[in-house]
Amino acid sequence: MADSPTPAECYCCGRSFAEEDLARLACHDEVALCSGCIGWLADQVSSVTRAVPVLRSPSLEAQSAFWSAAGSA
């Protein structure tokens, strides 16, 4: 007899799901979300009006020269 999946609860809606039907946050593995709540959350992102990318650079001098040449510094 196969073991039945252990139910887990969606952190957002509170409904029970099999563990494999939930996604856990990498930074807080105690937070699990079902696909319905993930879809709702993704829809909320469309209201974001500003994003600021952070780009790593091994050389501050090279990065400064690049942005100066691009006219941003």
C-alpha atoms as a PDB file:
ATOM      1  CA  MET A   1       0.000   0.000   0.000  1.00  0.00           C
ATOM      2  CA  ALA A   2       1.466   3.345  -1.069  1.00  0.00           C
ATOM      3  CA  ASP A   3       1.754   6.169   1.407  1.00  0.00           C
ATOM      4  CA  SER A   4      -0.730   8.970   0.818  1.00  0.00           C
ATOM      5  CA  PRO A   5       0.810  12.436   0.322  1.00  0.00           C
ATOM      6  CA  THR A   6       1.130  14.529   3.443  1.00  0.00           C
ATOM      7  CA  PRO A   7      -1.217  17.513   3.149  1.00  0.00           C
ATOM      8  CA  ALA A   8       0.200  20.971   3.605  1.00  0.00           C
ATOM      9  CA  GLU A   9      -1.561  24.305   3.870  1.00  0.00           C
ATOM     10  CA  CYS A  10      -1.310  27.258   1.496  1.00  0.00           C
ATOM     11  CA  TYR A  11      -0.005  30.219   3.497  1.00  0.00           C
ATOM     12  CA  CYS A  12      -2.331  32.584   1.592  1.00  0.00           C
ATOM     13  CA  CYS A  13      -5.729  30.891   1.239  1.00  0.00           C
ATOM     14  CA  GLY A  14      -5.374  28.286   4.010  1.00  0.00           C
ATOM     15  CA  ARG A  15      -6.578  25.347   1.882  1.00  0.00           C
ATOM     16  CA  SER A  16      -4.861  21.958   2.143  1.00  0.00           C
ATOM     17  CA  PHE A  17      -2.843  20.595  -0.774  1.00  0.00           C
ATOM     18  CA  ALA A  18      -0.394  17.782  -1.374  1.00  0.00           C
ATOM     19  CA  GLU A  19       3.141  19.030  -0.763  1.00  0.00           C
ATOM     20  CA  GLU A  20       4.060  18.612  -4.435  1.00  0.00           C
ATOM     21  CA  ASP A  21       1.217  20.987  -5.399  1.00  0.00           C
ATOM     22  CA  LEU A  22       2.682  23.869  -3.398  1.00  0.00           C
ATOM     23  CA  ALA A  23       5.639  26.160  -4.100  1.00  0.00           C
ATOM     24  CA  ARG A  24       7.789  27.206  -1.170  1.00  0.00           C
ATOM     25  CA  LEU A  25       9.695  30.466  -0.956  1.00  0.00           C
ATOM     26  CA  ALA A  26      13.457  29.949  -1.098  1.00  0.00           C
ATOM     27  CA  CYS A  27      14.088  32.525   1.629  1.00  0.00           C
ATOM     28  CA  HIS A  28      11.249  31.302   3.908  1.00  0.00           C
ATOM     29  CA  ASP A  29      10.541  27.620   3.339  1.00  0.00           C
ATOM     30  CA  GLU A  30       7.737  27.780   5.906  1.00  0.00           C
ATOM     31  CA  VAL A  31       5.725  29.815   3.352  1.00  0.00           C
ATOM     32  CA  ALA A  32       4.020  27.569   0.779  1.00  0.00           C
ATOM     33  CA  LEU A  33       1.649  28.851  -1.911  1.00  0.00           C
ATOM     34  CA  CYS A  34      -0.823  27.053  -4.168  1.00  0.00           C
ATOM     35  CA  SER A  35      -0.997  27.763  -7.921  1.00  0.00           C
ATOM     36  CA  GLY A  36      -4.166  29.839  -7.513  1.00  0.00           C
ATOM     37  CA  CYS A  37      -2.530  32.179  -5.021  1.00  0.00           C
ATOM     38  CA  ILE A  38       0.659  32.342  -7.100  1.00  0.00           C
ATOM     39  CA  GLY A  39      -1.477  33.364 -10.108  1.00  0.00           C
ATOM     40  CA  TRP A  40      -3.194  36.057  -8.056  1.00  0.00           C
ATOM     41  CA  LEU A  41       0.167  37.319  -6.822  1.00  0.00           C
ATOM     42  CA  ALA A  42       1.571  37.411 -10.374  1.00  0.00           C
ATOM     43  CA  ASP A  43      -1.415  39.532 -11.443  1.00  0.00           C
ATOM     44  CA  GLN A  44      -0.547  42.037  -8.713  1.00  0.00           C
ATOM     45  CA  VAL A  45       2.918  42.535 -10.185  1.00  0.00           C
ATOM     46  CA  SER A  46       1.396  44.243 -13.230  1.00  0.00           C
ATOM     47  CA  SER A  47       0.651  47.198 -10.963  1.00  0.00           C
ATOM     48  CA  VAL A  48       4.381  47.754 -10.328  1.00  0.00           C
ATOM     49  CA  THR A  49       5.312  51.078 -11.890  1.00  0.00           C
ATOM     50  CA  ARG A  50       9.041  51.169 -11.191  1.00  0.00           C
ATOM     51  CA  ALA A  51      11.813  48.607 -11.168  1.00  0.00           C
ATOM     52  CA  VAL A  52      15.474  49.260 -10.467  1.00  0.00           C
ATOM     53  CA  PRO A  53      17.869  46.564 -11.669  1.00  0.00           C
ATOM     54  CA  VAL A  54      21.075  46.035  -9.740  1.00  0.00           C
ATOM     55  CA  LEU A  55      23.918  44.825 -11.935  1.00  0.00           C
ATOM     56  CA  ARG A  56      27.106  43.404 -10.469  1.00  0.00           C
ATOM     57  CA  SER A  57      30.429  44.446 -11.883  1.00  0.00           C
ATOM     58  CA  PRO A  58      33.882  43.128 -11.040  1.00  0.00           C
ATOM     59  CA  SER A  59      35.390  46.561 -11.697  1.00  0.00           C
ATOM     60  CA  LEU A  60      34.027  49.869 -10.437  1.00  0.00           C
ATOM     61  CA  GLU A  61      36.372  51.734 -12.794  1.00  0.00           C
ATOM     62  CA  ALA A  62      35.121  49.817 -15.860  1.00  0.00           C
ATOM     63  CA  GLN A  63      31.517  50.301 -14.811  1.00  0.00           C
ATOM     64  CA  SER A  64      32.038  54.043 -14.285  1.00  0.00           C
ATOM     65  CA  ALA A  65      33.732  54.372 -17.673  1.00  0.00           C
ATOM     66  CA  PHE A  66      30.878  52.479 -19.364  1.00  0.00           C
ATOM     67  CA  TRP A  67      28.148  54.678 -17.878  1.00  0.00           C
ATOM     68  CA  SER A  68      30.143  57.850 -18.538  1.00  0.00           C
ATOM     69  CA  ALA A  69      30.474  56.851 -22.191  1.00  0.00           C
ATOM     70  CA  ALA A  70      26.761  56.075 -22.272  1.00  0.00           C
ATOM     71  CA  GLY A  71      26.018  59.574 -20.972  1.00  0.00           C
ATOM     72  CA  SER A  72      24.495  58.489 -17.653  1.00  0.00           C
ATOM     73  CA  ALA A  73      27.122  59.723 -15.224  1.00  0.00           C
END
